[in-house]
Amino acid sequence: HYMSADLVISTSPKTEKEAKEQLPMLRSVAVRTLSNLPIATAQLMTIDQFAAELNKAFDETYEHEGREKPFSEVMIGKLIIE
């Protein structure tokens, strides 16, 4: 099975540079989160549910690391599941 997602990060001009610097970590968290979804579950999820799962994963990651998130939310720009 194959999944491709384009994520849109909502940030302020003040924290944009910091968010860009953290893109490799953000990709890693996104891949880990989406890879753990069983295909049957993923096929039934809405875009809002995917975004909620990702936002939850990012919130938990930043909380665990004791850092403030440099963005307000992650949205799904495109999602393909085959």
Protein backbone atom coordinates (compact mmCIF):
# COMPACT_ATOMS: atom_id res chain seq x y z
CA HIS A 1 0.00 0.00 0.00
CA TYR A 2 1.05 3.56 -0.64
CA MET A 3 0.22 6.86 1.04
CA SER A 4 1.33 10.32 0.02
CA ALA A 5 0.44 13.48 1.90
CA ASP A 6 1.27 17.14 1.42
CA LEU A 7 1.19 18.96 4.72
CA VAL A 8 0.61 22.67 5.23
CA ILE A 9 2.10 24.20 8.36
CA SER A 10 0.32 27.29 9.73
CA THR A 11 2.86 29.58 11.36
CA SER A 12 3.45 33.26 12.02
CA PRO A 13 6.18 35.32 10.34
CA LYS A 14 7.93 35.43 13.72
CA THR A 15 8.26 31.62 13.99
CA GLU A 16 8.48 30.75 10.28
CA LYS A 17 12.29 30.36 10.28
CA GLU A 18 12.20 28.07 13.31
CA ALA A 19 9.44 25.95 11.75
CA LYS A 20 11.47 25.60 8.52
CA GLU A 21 14.52 24.51 10.51
CA GLN A 22 12.44 21.77 12.12
CA LEU A 23 10.98 20.36 8.87
CA PRO A 24 13.09 17.16 8.97
CA MET A 25 11.75 16.36 12.45
CA LEU A 26 8.21 17.25 11.35
CA ARG A 27 8.48 14.89 8.38
CA SER A 28 9.73 12.14 10.66
CA VAL A 29 6.83 12.55 13.09
CA ALA A 30 4.34 12.64 10.20
CA VAL A 31 5.75 9.49 8.58
CA ARG A 32 5.83 7.64 11.90
CA THR A 33 2.25 8.67 12.71
CA LEU A 34 0.78 7.85 9.31
CA SER A 35 2.77 4.61 8.93
CA ASN A 36 1.24 3.27 12.14
CA LEU A 37 -2.29 3.49 10.72
CA PRO A 38 -3.69 0.19 9.44
CA ILE A 39 -4.72 0.54 5.78
CA ALA A 40 -8.34 -0.38 6.57
CA THR A 41 -8.49 2.43 9.13
CA ALA A 42 -6.74 4.96 6.88
CA GLN A 43 -9.13 4.30 4.00
CA LEU A 44 -12.10 5.19 6.21
CA MET A 45 -10.61 8.35 7.75
CA THR A 46 -11.57 11.88 6.72
CA ILE A 47 -9.05 14.62 6.01
CA ASP A 48 -9.98 16.23 9.33
CA GLN A 49 -9.25 12.97 11.15
CA PHE A 50 -5.81 12.71 9.51
CA ALA A 51 -5.05 16.31 10.48
CA ALA A 52 -6.22 15.65 14.06
CA GLU A 53 -3.95 12.59 14.35
CA LEU A 54 -0.97 14.56 13.05
CA ASN A 55 -1.64 17.56 15.29
CA LYS A 56 -1.93 15.26 18.29
CA ALA A 57 1.39 13.61 17.39
CA PHE A 58 3.11 16.98 17.00
CA ASP A 59 1.66 18.24 20.30
CA GLU A 60 2.91 15.11 22.09
CA THR A 61 6.36 15.34 20.49
CA TYR A 62 6.89 18.97 21.44
CA GLU A 63 5.53 18.39 24.94
CA HIS A 64 7.85 15.40 25.41
CA GLU A 65 10.83 17.49 24.27
CA GLY A 66 9.77 20.41 26.48
CA ARG A 67 9.72 22.84 23.56
CA GLU A 68 7.10 25.22 22.22
CA LYS A 69 5.65 24.42 18.80
CA PRO A 70 6.69 27.04 16.20
CA PHE A 71 3.36 26.62 14.38
CA SER A 72 -0.30 26.60 15.29
CA GLU A 73 -1.53 23.62 13.29
CA VAL A 74 -0.85 21.20 10.48
CA MET A 75 -3.36 20.84 7.68
CA ILE A 76 -3.56 18.33 4.83
CA GLY A 77 -3.01 19.91 1.41
CA LYS A 78 -3.25 16.65 -0.53
CA LEU A 79 -3.70 13.00 0.41
CA ILE A 80 -3.39 9.92 -1.80
CA ILE A 81 -3.95 6.38 -0.53
CA GLU A 82 -3.49 3.45 -2.90
